[in-house]
Structure formats: C-alpha cells, structure tokens
Amino acid sequence: MLDIAICDDDPDQLALLAVYATECIQKHRLEASIHQFLHPDDLLRSCEKRRYQIYILDIVMPMVSGIGVGKSIREHDCEAFILYATSEPGFALQSFATNPIDYLLKPIDKQQLFKTLLLAVSKIEISQKCTCMVKTQEGIQVFRLSEILCCEYSNHRAIYTLTGGRTVTTCVIKGTFPHHIEELLQDNRFVRPHVSFTINMDYVESFTKARFTLRDGHSVPIVAKHYSMVRDIYLDYQLARGLVDG
C-alpha cells in the first residue's frame, strides 16, 4: 500500500489534486491511499508518525514553503518522491536541492500528473523488489536494500542496522565478510569504507577523512589508505543524484 501526501493551502487546488491522484490510482488499479493537508505544519507533524512514499507539494504556502517542506522531508527520507505543483515557475532551480521527480505548473495537466505518478510508482516497485535475505537464530529474515543503513562484521556475524532503529544479526557466517556482502556491493548505493563495514550512501549525514556519520548517529570509520577512492565513489554517487554541484 502506497501513501501519497498532498499539501496545498488552497482548498480548491488541494481537492483538485486529490481528485486527479485518485483517478490515476483507480484507473491503473494501484493500492494507494491519499492524505490531504492544507497547512505544511500539519504535513510535517504527520511525517513524524507516518512515512509517505510520494509527496505532491505546492510551493507558495504560509510559514513554510513547499521547498522548505521538501528539505525537511529529505532530512529523514532520501527515497520518497517529491512532486511540486505550483503556479510559480521561478522556483524550479531552487527546488533541485530536494531532488524532485517533477515540477508541474498550474493549471495542472492531468495527463502529465498521471505520467509522473506512474513513474514514481514504477521506481518504488523496482526498489521494493531489491531485497536481502539472511539467516538468523530466529529464522530467515528478508528486508529491502533501501532499509539498510550499514552492515558491520563482528564476531564472525553480520550486523545490519536498518531504518526505524532496527538491527538484524546473522548466524555465524560461512566464508568471508567480502563474500557475504558481494551482492550488496553490486548496488551502487553501497560502499565499503572499512574492512568491517559497508554503508548505504543514501543515509550519510556527513563525512570526514576519518569517518562517515550516518543519519541515525552511527559512526563508520574510513581506512586512511582508501579515503581517496571512497571519497570519489561517494561524491560521484551524490553528483549523479543531483545532490552536489559538479
């Protein structure tokens, strides 16, 4: 089930966007729920309790702009899809800081909105199919790669730190840690900065020559002799996502 949040301070525009989104959902038989917000503060409070996969945001709103809302969302969710629907063309360049999937001008073209929503849904479906399966003392555990913040090798076991503060510890690994994380590293979101760690670069808060700091506060060391390589991998990844300047 997808959760789609729509925020617009104009009740008529909010209702229209909700009607269009609902029509798209019904036409393409998607499992999704629409959540409407007239004020950005209400949306941000809701985000503290619920995760939305898709956001449709107006830009010019009271107190907090749509771009400000987008930046707040990006502080805790780098995977959600943000779509701006606004009457103001002048904020397009500024909106890139939040890595939106699209920037639509009002009056909204319904077919273009459908196209963007379906693109977001297809990307979400692909992401959800990328999973990791590990053996633990409790049995087989399966989780999405997008949920992994980092994986640490300790006492011949792999410890996965996941979103929501969860951890999964495997049984004793047969073979080496590099072999265990081989498939993980085939996904370009992951890098191995240390012999005992691999991290998901989507969750990096900051980095220095000595370590990465993840958004949950996790500190992951960087091997000094590999710093240049790790730095280049990280910056290239962020550049490809449009989150750093070239």
C-alpha atoms as a PDB file:
ATOM      1  CA  MET A   1       0.000   0.000   0.000  1.00  0.00           C
ATOM      2  CA  LEU A   2       1.380   3.373  -1.062  1.00  0.00           C
ATOM      3  CA  ASP A   3       0.747   6.519   0.947  1.00  0.00           C
ATOM      4  CA  ILE A   4       0.562   9.742  -1.073  1.00  0.00           C
ATOM      5  CA  ALA A   5       0.599  13.105   0.719  1.00  0.00           C
ATOM      6  CA  ILE A   6      -0.781  16.227  -0.970  1.00  0.00           C
ATOM      7  CA  CYS A   7      -0.207  19.651   0.573  1.00  0.00           C
ATOM      8  CA  ASP A   8      -1.701  22.872  -0.807  1.00  0.00           C
ATOM      9  CA  ASP A   9      -3.045  25.836   1.152  1.00  0.00           C
ATOM     10  CA  ASP A  10      -5.733  26.479  -1.488  1.00  0.00           C
ATOM     11  CA  PRO A  11      -8.698  24.178  -0.672  1.00  0.00           C
ATOM     12  CA  ASP A  12      -9.873  24.090  -4.295  1.00  0.00           C
ATOM     13  CA  GLN A  13      -6.428  23.182  -5.629  1.00  0.00           C
ATOM     14  CA  LEU A  14      -5.963  20.601  -2.886  1.00  0.00           C
ATOM     15  CA  ALA A  15      -9.284  18.979  -3.762  1.00  0.00           C
ATOM     16  CA  LEU A  16      -8.470  19.002  -7.484  1.00  0.00           C
ATOM     17  CA  LEU A  17      -5.070  17.369  -6.967  1.00  0.00           C
ATOM     18  CA  ALA A  18      -6.694  14.739  -4.758  1.00  0.00           C
ATOM     19  CA  VAL A  19      -9.324  14.034  -7.434  1.00  0.00           C
ATOM     20  CA  TYR A  20      -6.652  13.667 -10.128  1.00  0.00           C
ATOM     21  CA  ALA A  21      -4.478  11.418  -7.956  1.00  0.00           C
ATOM     22  CA  THR A  22      -7.472   9.269  -7.013  1.00  0.00           C
ATOM     23  CA  GLU A  23      -8.464   8.946 -10.666  1.00  0.00           C
ATOM     24  CA  CYS A  24      -4.941   7.801 -11.536  1.00  0.00           C
ATOM     25  CA  ILE A  25      -4.989   5.240  -8.725  1.00  0.00           C
ATOM     26  CA  GLN A  26      -8.346   3.837  -9.759  1.00  0.00           C
ATOM     27  CA  LYS A  27      -7.599   3.819 -13.477  1.00  0.00           C
ATOM     28  CA  HIS A  28      -4.378   1.858 -13.009  1.00  0.00           C
ATOM     29  CA  ARG A  29      -5.660  -0.274 -10.113  1.00  0.00           C
ATOM     30  CA  LEU A  30      -2.985   0.839  -7.697  1.00  0.00           C
ATOM     31  CA  GLU A  31      -3.066   0.103  -3.982  1.00  0.00           C
ATOM     32  CA  ALA A  32      -2.651   3.586  -2.572  1.00  0.00           C
ATOM     33  CA  SER A  33      -4.120   5.981  -0.045  1.00  0.00           C
ATOM     34  CA  ILE A  34      -4.393   9.765  -0.442  1.00  0.00           C
ATOM     35  CA  HIS A  35      -3.715  12.078   2.522  1.00  0.00           C
ATOM     36  CA  GLN A  36      -4.585  15.786   2.208  1.00  0.00           C
ATOM     37  CA  PHE A  37      -3.034  18.701   4.121  1.00  0.00           C
ATOM     38  CA  LEU A  38      -3.981  22.383   3.951  1.00  0.00           C
ATOM     39  CA  HIS A  39      -1.009  23.549   6.009  1.00  0.00           C
ATOM     40  CA  PRO A  40       2.630  22.427   5.723  1.00  0.00           C
ATOM     41  CA  ASP A  41       2.971  22.210   9.512  1.00  0.00           C
ATOM     42  CA  ASP A  42       0.211  19.591   9.589  1.00  0.00           C
ATOM     43  CA  LEU A  43       2.048  17.545   6.982  1.00  0.00           C
ATOM     44  CA  LEU A  44       5.368  17.766   8.816  1.00  0.00           C
ATOM     45  CA  ARG A  45       3.737  16.672  12.073  1.00  0.00           C
ATOM     46  CA  SER A  46       2.181  13.741  10.261  1.00  0.00           C
ATOM     47  CA  CYS A  47       5.582  12.790   8.827  1.00  0.00           C
ATOM     48  CA  GLU A  48       6.802  12.187  12.366  1.00  0.00           C
ATOM     49  CA  LYS A  49       4.357   9.275  12.673  1.00  0.00           C
ATOM     50  CA  ARG A  50       3.874   8.049   9.104  1.00  0.00           C
ATOM     51  CA  ARG A  51       6.079   7.583   6.059  1.00  0.00           C
ATOM     52  CA  TYR A  52       4.737   8.744   2.705  1.00  0.00           C
ATOM     53  CA  GLN A  53       6.269   7.382  -0.478  1.00  0.00           C
ATOM     54  CA  ILE A  54       5.046  10.230  -2.715  1.00  0.00           C
ATOM     55  CA  TYR A  55       4.550  13.923  -1.916  1.00  0.00           C
ATOM     56  CA  ILE A  56       2.684  16.435  -4.087  1.00  0.00           C
ATOM     57  CA  LEU A  57       3.555  19.894  -2.778  1.00  0.00           C
ATOM     58  CA  ASP A  58       2.532  23.438  -3.561  1.00  0.00           C
ATOM     59  CA  ILE A  59       5.443  25.856  -3.165  1.00  0.00           C
ATOM     60  CA  VAL A  60       3.994  29.187  -2.016  1.00  0.00           C
ATOM     61  CA  MET A  61       2.376  28.382   1.331  1.00  0.00           C
ATOM     62  CA  PRO A  62       2.167  30.128   4.728  1.00  0.00           C
ATOM     63  CA  MET A  63       5.005  29.828   7.246  1.00  0.00           C
ATOM     64  CA  VAL A  64       6.899  27.090   5.387  1.00  0.00           C
ATOM     65  CA  SER A  65       7.346  26.942   1.616  1.00  0.00           C
ATOM     66  CA  GLY A  66       6.947  23.721  -0.313  1.00  0.00           C
ATOM     67  CA  ILE A  67      10.698  23.688  -0.881  1.00  0.00           C
ATOM     68  CA  GLY A  68      11.226  24.072   2.860  1.00  0.00           C
ATOM     69  CA  VAL A  69       8.905  21.115   3.396  1.00  0.00           C
ATOM     70  CA  GLY A  70      10.873  19.157   0.803  1.00  0.00           C
ATOM     71  CA  LYS A  71      14.141  19.889   2.608  1.00  0.00           C
ATOM     72  CA  SER A  72      12.628  18.738   5.906  1.00  0.00           C
ATOM     73  CA  ILE A  73      11.470  15.523   4.245  1.00  0.00           C
ATOM     74  CA  ARG A  74      14.943  14.917   2.828  1.00  0.00           C
ATOM     75  CA  GLU A  75      16.454  15.128   6.320  1.00  0.00           C
ATOM     76  CA  HIS A  76      14.863  11.787   7.194  1.00  0.00           C
ATOM     77  CA  ASP A  77      13.812  10.290   3.864  1.00  0.00           C
ATOM     78  CA  CYS A  78      16.046  10.332   0.819  1.00  0.00           C
ATOM     79  CA  GLU A  79      13.917   7.857  -1.132  1.00  0.00           C
ATOM     80  CA  ALA A  80      10.470   9.464  -1.173  1.00  0.00           C
ATOM     81  CA  PHE A  81       9.370  11.052  -4.442  1.00  0.00           C
ATOM     82  CA  ILE A  82       8.610  14.768  -4.311  1.00  0.00           C
ATOM     83  CA  LEU A  83       6.476  16.385  -6.997  1.00  0.00           C
ATOM     84  CA  TYR A  84       5.951  20.140  -6.973  1.00  0.00           C
ATOM     85  CA  ALA A  85       2.658  21.501  -8.313  1.00  0.00           C
ATOM     86  CA  THR A  86       2.752  25.285  -8.318  1.00  0.00           C
ATOM     87  CA  SER A  87       1.741  28.431 -10.167  1.00  0.00           C
ATOM     88  CA  GLU A  88       5.240  29.882  -9.678  1.00  0.00           C
ATOM     89  CA  PRO A  89       7.821  28.945 -12.357  1.00  0.00           C
ATOM     90  CA  GLY A  90      10.585  30.929 -10.654  1.00  0.00           C
ATOM     91  CA  PHE A  91      11.362  28.306  -8.005  1.00  0.00           C
ATOM     92  CA  ALA A  92      12.269  25.473 -10.380  1.00  0.00           C
ATOM     93  CA  LEU A  93      16.037  25.842  -9.988  1.00  0.00           C
ATOM     94  CA  GLN A  94      15.771  26.236  -6.217  1.00  0.00           C
ATOM     95  CA  SER A  95      13.665  23.078  -5.998  1.00  0.00           C
ATOM     96  CA  PHE A  96      16.556  20.957  -7.314  1.00  0.00           C
ATOM     97  CA  ALA A  97      18.026  20.999  -3.802  1.00  0.00           C
ATOM     98  CA  THR A  98      15.325  18.498  -2.809  1.00  0.00           C
ATOM     99  CA  ASN A  99      15.814  16.218  -5.834  1.00  0.00           C
ATOM    100  CA  PRO A 100      12.167  16.299  -7.035  1.00  0.00           C
ATOM    101  CA  ILE A 101      10.846  13.854  -9.601  1.00  0.00           C
ATOM    102  CA  ASP A 102       8.965  16.640 -11.410  1.00  0.00           C
ATOM    103  CA  TYR A 103       7.950  20.303 -11.293  1.00  0.00           C
ATOM    104  CA  LEU A 104       4.477  20.942 -12.710  1.00  0.00           C
ATOM    105  CA  LEU A 105       2.908  24.336 -13.305  1.00  0.00           C
ATOM    106  CA  LYS A 106      -0.719  25.118 -12.569  1.00  0.00           C
ATOM    107  CA  PRO A 107      -3.207  24.713 -14.084  1.00  0.00           C
ATOM    108  CA  ILE A 108      -2.079  21.115 -13.745  1.00  0.00           C
ATOM    109  CA  ASP A 109      -2.084  18.966 -16.859  1.00  0.00           C
ATOM    110  CA  LYS A 110      -3.845  15.832 -15.628  1.00  0.00           C
ATOM    111  CA  GLN A 111      -2.087  13.511 -18.053  1.00  0.00           C
ATOM    112  CA  GLN A 112       1.332  14.856 -17.080  1.00  0.00           C
ATOM    113  CA  LEU A 113       0.461  14.325 -13.424  1.00  0.00           C
ATOM    114  CA  PHE A 114      -0.594  10.749 -14.216  1.00  0.00           C
ATOM    115  CA  LYS A 115       2.671  10.174 -16.082  1.00  0.00           C
ATOM    116  CA  THR A 116       4.759  11.429 -13.163  1.00  0.00           C
ATOM    117  CA  LEU A 117       2.814   9.456 -10.559  1.00  0.00           C
ATOM    118  CA  LEU A 118       3.152   6.256 -12.584  1.00  0.00           C
ATOM    119  CA  LEU A 119       6.891   6.861 -12.995  1.00  0.00           C
ATOM    120  CA  ALA A 120       7.251   7.225  -9.224  1.00  0.00           C
ATOM    121  CA  VAL A 121       5.194   4.079  -8.617  1.00  0.00           C
ATOM    122  CA  SER A 122       7.302   2.067 -11.065  1.00  0.00           C
ATOM    123  CA  LYS A 123      10.504   3.178  -9.339  1.00  0.00           C
ATOM    124  CA  ILE A 124       9.060   2.276  -5.937  1.00  0.00           C
ATOM    125  CA  GLU A 125       8.082  -1.181  -7.183  1.00  0.00           C
ATOM    126  CA  ILE A 126      11.598  -1.784  -8.524  1.00  0.00           C
ATOM    127  CA  SER A 127      13.125  -0.645  -5.231  1.00  0.00           C
ATOM    128  CA  GLN A 128      10.855  -2.933  -3.220  1.00  0.00           C
ATOM    129  CA  LYS A 129      11.930  -5.940  -5.275  1.00  0.00           C
ATOM    130  CA  CYS A 130      15.583  -5.413  -4.286  1.00  0.00           C
ATOM    131  CA  THR A 131      15.793  -7.415  -1.088  1.00  0.00           C
ATOM    132  CA  CYS A 132      18.353  -9.012   1.186  1.00  0.00           C
ATOM    133  CA  MET A 133      17.790 -12.435   2.752  1.00  0.00           C
ATOM    134  CA  VAL A 134      19.870 -13.550   5.747  1.00  0.00           C
ATOM    135  CA  LYS A 135      19.807 -16.413   8.213  1.00  0.00           C
ATOM    136  CA  THR A 136      19.449 -15.523  11.897  1.00  0.00           C
ATOM    137  CA  GLN A 137      18.849 -17.503  15.077  1.00  0.00           C
ATOM    138  CA  GLU A 138      15.166 -16.603  14.768  1.00  0.00           C
ATOM    139  CA  GLY A 139      14.998 -17.886  11.191  1.00  0.00           C
ATOM    140  CA  ILE A 140      15.208 -16.339   7.732  1.00  0.00           C
ATOM    141  CA  GLN A 141      14.917 -12.542   7.677  1.00  0.00           C
ATOM    142  CA  VAL A 142      14.105 -10.610   4.498  1.00  0.00           C
ATOM    143  CA  PHE A 143      14.340  -6.828   4.194  1.00  0.00           C
ATOM    144  CA  ARG A 144      14.727  -4.281   1.422  1.00  0.00           C
ATOM    145  CA  LEU A 145      18.146  -2.933   0.493  1.00  0.00           C
ATOM    146  CA  SER A 146      16.665   0.539   0.861  1.00  0.00           C
ATOM    147  CA  GLU A 147      16.129  -0.180   4.575  1.00  0.00           C
ATOM    148  CA  ILE A 148      19.825  -0.871   5.247  1.00  0.00           C
ATOM    149  CA  LEU A 149      21.866   1.947   6.777  1.00  0.00           C
ATOM    150  CA  CYS A 150      25.006  -0.124   7.268  1.00  0.00           C
ATOM    151  CA  CYS A 151      26.310  -3.634   7.759  1.00  0.00           C
ATOM    152  CA  GLU A 152      29.059  -4.411  10.281  1.00  0.00           C
ATOM    153  CA  TYR A 153      31.151  -7.571  10.595  1.00  0.00           C
ATOM    154  CA  SER A 154      31.696  -8.596  14.222  1.00  0.00           C
ATOM    155  CA  ASN A 155      32.486 -11.958  15.852  1.00  0.00           C
ATOM    156  CA  HIS A 156      32.009 -13.769  12.532  1.00  0.00           C
ATOM    157  CA  ARG A 157      28.495 -12.357  12.182  1.00  0.00           C
ATOM    158  CA  ALA A 158      26.995  -9.572  10.068  1.00  0.00           C
ATOM    159  CA  ILE A 159      25.001  -6.948  11.938  1.00  0.00           C
ATOM    160  CA  TYR A 160      22.561  -4.997   9.767  1.00  0.00           C
ATOM    161  CA  THR A 161      21.385  -1.624  11.035  1.00  0.00           C
ATOM    162  CA  LEU A 162      18.032  -0.826   9.438  1.00  0.00           C
ATOM    163  CA  THR A 163      15.694   2.137   9.311  1.00  0.00           C
ATOM    164  CA  GLY A 164      13.495   2.649  12.339  1.00  0.00           C
ATOM    165  CA  GLY A 165      16.313   1.724  14.728  1.00  0.00           C
ATOM    166  CA  ARG A 166      16.082  -1.988  13.956  1.00  0.00           C
ATOM    167  CA  THR A 167      19.048  -4.366  13.839  1.00  0.00           C
ATOM    168  CA  VAL A 168      19.347  -7.853  12.382  1.00  0.00           C
ATOM    169  CA  THR A 169      22.246 -10.113  13.375  1.00  0.00           C
ATOM    170  CA  THR A 170      23.044 -13.125  11.231  1.00  0.00           C
ATOM    171  CA  CYS A 171      24.187 -16.537  12.348  1.00  0.00           C
ATOM    172  CA  VAL A 172      27.925 -17.227  12.092  1.00  0.00           C
ATOM    173  CA  ILE A 173      28.928 -16.518   8.505  1.00  0.00           C
ATOM    174  CA  LYS A 174      30.401 -19.346   6.485  1.00  0.00           C
ATOM    175  CA  GLY A 175      33.108 -17.713   4.432  1.00  0.00           C
ATOM    176  CA  THR A 176      34.436 -14.176   4.421  1.00  0.00           C
ATOM    177  CA  PHE A 177      32.674 -10.883   5.024  1.00  0.00           C
ATOM    178  CA  PRO A 178      33.545  -9.639   1.490  1.00  0.00           C
ATOM    179  CA  HIS A 179      31.821 -12.712   0.074  1.00  0.00           C
ATOM    180  CA  HIS A 180      28.792 -12.127   2.322  1.00  0.00           C
ATOM    181  CA  ILE A 181      28.316  -8.542   1.100  1.00  0.00           C
ATOM    182  CA  GLU A 182      29.276  -9.214  -2.518  1.00  0.00           C
ATOM    183  CA  GLU A 183      25.717  -8.858  -3.853  1.00  0.00           C
ATOM    184  CA  LEU A 184      25.125  -5.814  -1.654  1.00  0.00           C
ATOM    185  CA  LEU A 185      28.078  -4.005  -3.199  1.00  0.00           C
ATOM    186  CA  GLN A 186      26.693  -4.621  -6.681  1.00  0.00           C
ATOM    187  CA  ASP A 187      24.081  -1.998  -5.789  1.00  0.00           C
ATOM    188  CA  ASN A 188      25.601   1.444  -6.386  1.00  0.00           C
ATOM    189  CA  ARG A 189      24.118   2.809  -3.156  1.00  0.00           C
ATOM    190  CA  PHE A 190      26.655   0.858  -1.109  1.00  0.00           C
ATOM    191  CA  VAL A 191      30.343   1.407  -0.467  1.00  0.00           C
ATOM    192  CA  ARG A 192      32.826  -0.377   1.797  1.00  0.00           C
ATOM    193  CA  PRO A 193      34.913   2.264   3.623  1.00  0.00           C
ATOM    194  CA  HIS A 194      36.405  -0.178   6.128  1.00  0.00           C
ATOM    195  CA  VAL A 195      37.248  -3.871   6.244  1.00  0.00           C
ATOM    196  CA  SER A 196      34.390  -4.463   8.707  1.00  0.00           C
ATOM    197  CA  PHE A 197      31.738  -2.099   7.336  1.00  0.00           C
ATOM    198  CA  THR A 198      29.647  -1.334   4.308  1.00  0.00           C
ATOM    199  CA  ILE A 199      27.237   1.604   4.268  1.00  0.00           C
ATOM    200  CA  ASN A 200      24.259   2.853   2.293  1.00  0.00           C
ATOM    201  CA  MET A 201      25.307   6.254   0.935  1.00  0.00           C
ATOM    202  CA  ASP A 202      21.691   7.429   0.910  1.00  0.00           C
ATOM    203  CA  TYR A 203      21.886   7.707   4.700  1.00  0.00           C
ATOM    204  CA  VAL A 204      25.140   9.637   5.056  1.00  0.00           C
ATOM    205  CA  GLU A 205      24.767  12.787   7.141  1.00  0.00           C
ATOM    206  CA  SER A 206      28.395  13.902   6.818  1.00  0.00           C
ATOM    207  CA  PHE A 207      31.887  12.572   6.257  1.00  0.00           C
ATOM    208  CA  THR A 208      35.488  13.466   7.031  1.00  0.00           C
ATOM    209  CA  LYS A 209      38.800  11.834   6.196  1.00  0.00           C
ATOM    210  CA  ALA A 210      38.346   9.607   9.223  1.00  0.00           C
ATOM    211  CA  ARG A 211      34.697   8.557   9.161  1.00  0.00           C
ATOM    212  CA  PHE A 212      31.161   8.671   7.821  1.00  0.00           C
ATOM    213  CA  THR A 213      28.384   9.805  10.136  1.00  0.00           C
ATOM    214  CA  LEU A 214      25.011   8.315   9.274  1.00  0.00           C
ATOM    215  CA  ARG A 215      21.643   9.916   9.893  1.00  0.00           C
ATOM    216  CA  ASP A 216      20.950   7.717  12.904  1.00  0.00           C
ATOM    217  CA  GLY A 217      24.199   8.906  14.515  1.00  0.00           C
ATOM    218  CA  HIS A 218      26.158   5.778  13.564  1.00  0.00           C
ATOM    219  CA  SER A 219      29.876   6.496  13.094  1.00  0.00           C
ATOM    220  CA  VAL A 220      31.647   4.353  10.495  1.00  0.00           C
ATOM    221  CA  PRO A 221      35.453   4.559  10.121  1.00  0.00           C
ATOM    222  CA  ILE A 222      37.217   5.062   6.795  1.00  0.00           C
ATOM    223  CA  VAL A 223      40.503   3.267   6.191  1.00  0.00           C
ATOM    224  CA  ALA A 224      43.072   6.019   5.585  1.00  0.00           C
ATOM    225  CA  LYS A 225      44.681   4.409   2.535  1.00  0.00           C
ATOM    226  CA  HIS A 226      41.258   4.019   0.896  1.00  0.00           C
ATOM    227  CA  TYR A 227      39.991   7.526   1.671  1.00  0.00           C
ATOM    228  CA  SER A 228      40.538   8.988  -1.809  1.00  0.00           C
ATOM    229  CA  MET A 229      38.769   6.096  -3.507  1.00  0.00           C
ATOM    230  CA  VAL A 230      35.870   6.104  -1.035  1.00  0.00           C
ATOM    231  CA  ARG A 231      35.533   9.895  -1.273  1.00  0.00           C
ATOM    232  CA  ASP A 232      35.370   9.757  -5.075  1.00  0.00           C
ATOM    233  CA  ILE A 233      32.762   6.981  -5.031  1.00  0.00           C
ATOM    234  CA  TYR A 234      30.625   8.924  -2.569  1.00  0.00           C
ATOM    235  CA  LEU A 235      30.881  12.261  -4.397  1.00  0.00           C
ATOM    236  CA  ASP A 236      30.215  10.645  -7.786  1.00  0.00           C
ATOM    237  CA  TYR A 237      27.123   8.972  -6.356  1.00  0.00           C
ATOM    238  CA  GLN A 238      25.796  12.205  -4.878  1.00  0.00           C
ATOM    239  CA  LEU A 239      26.604  14.083  -8.092  1.00  0.00           C
ATOM    240  CA  ALA A 240      24.625  11.535 -10.101  1.00  0.00           C
ATOM    241  CA  ARG A 241      21.665  12.132  -7.772  1.00  0.00           C
ATOM    242  CA  GLY A 242      21.993  15.895  -8.193  1.00  0.00           C
ATOM    243  CA  LEU A 243      22.773  16.478  -4.510  1.00  0.00           C
ATOM    244  CA  VAL A 244      26.183  18.098  -5.003  1.00  0.00           C
ATOM    245  CA  ASP A 245      27.433  20.601  -7.548  1.00  0.00           C
ATOM    246  CA  GLY A 246      29.637  19.336 -10.345  1.00  0.00           C
END
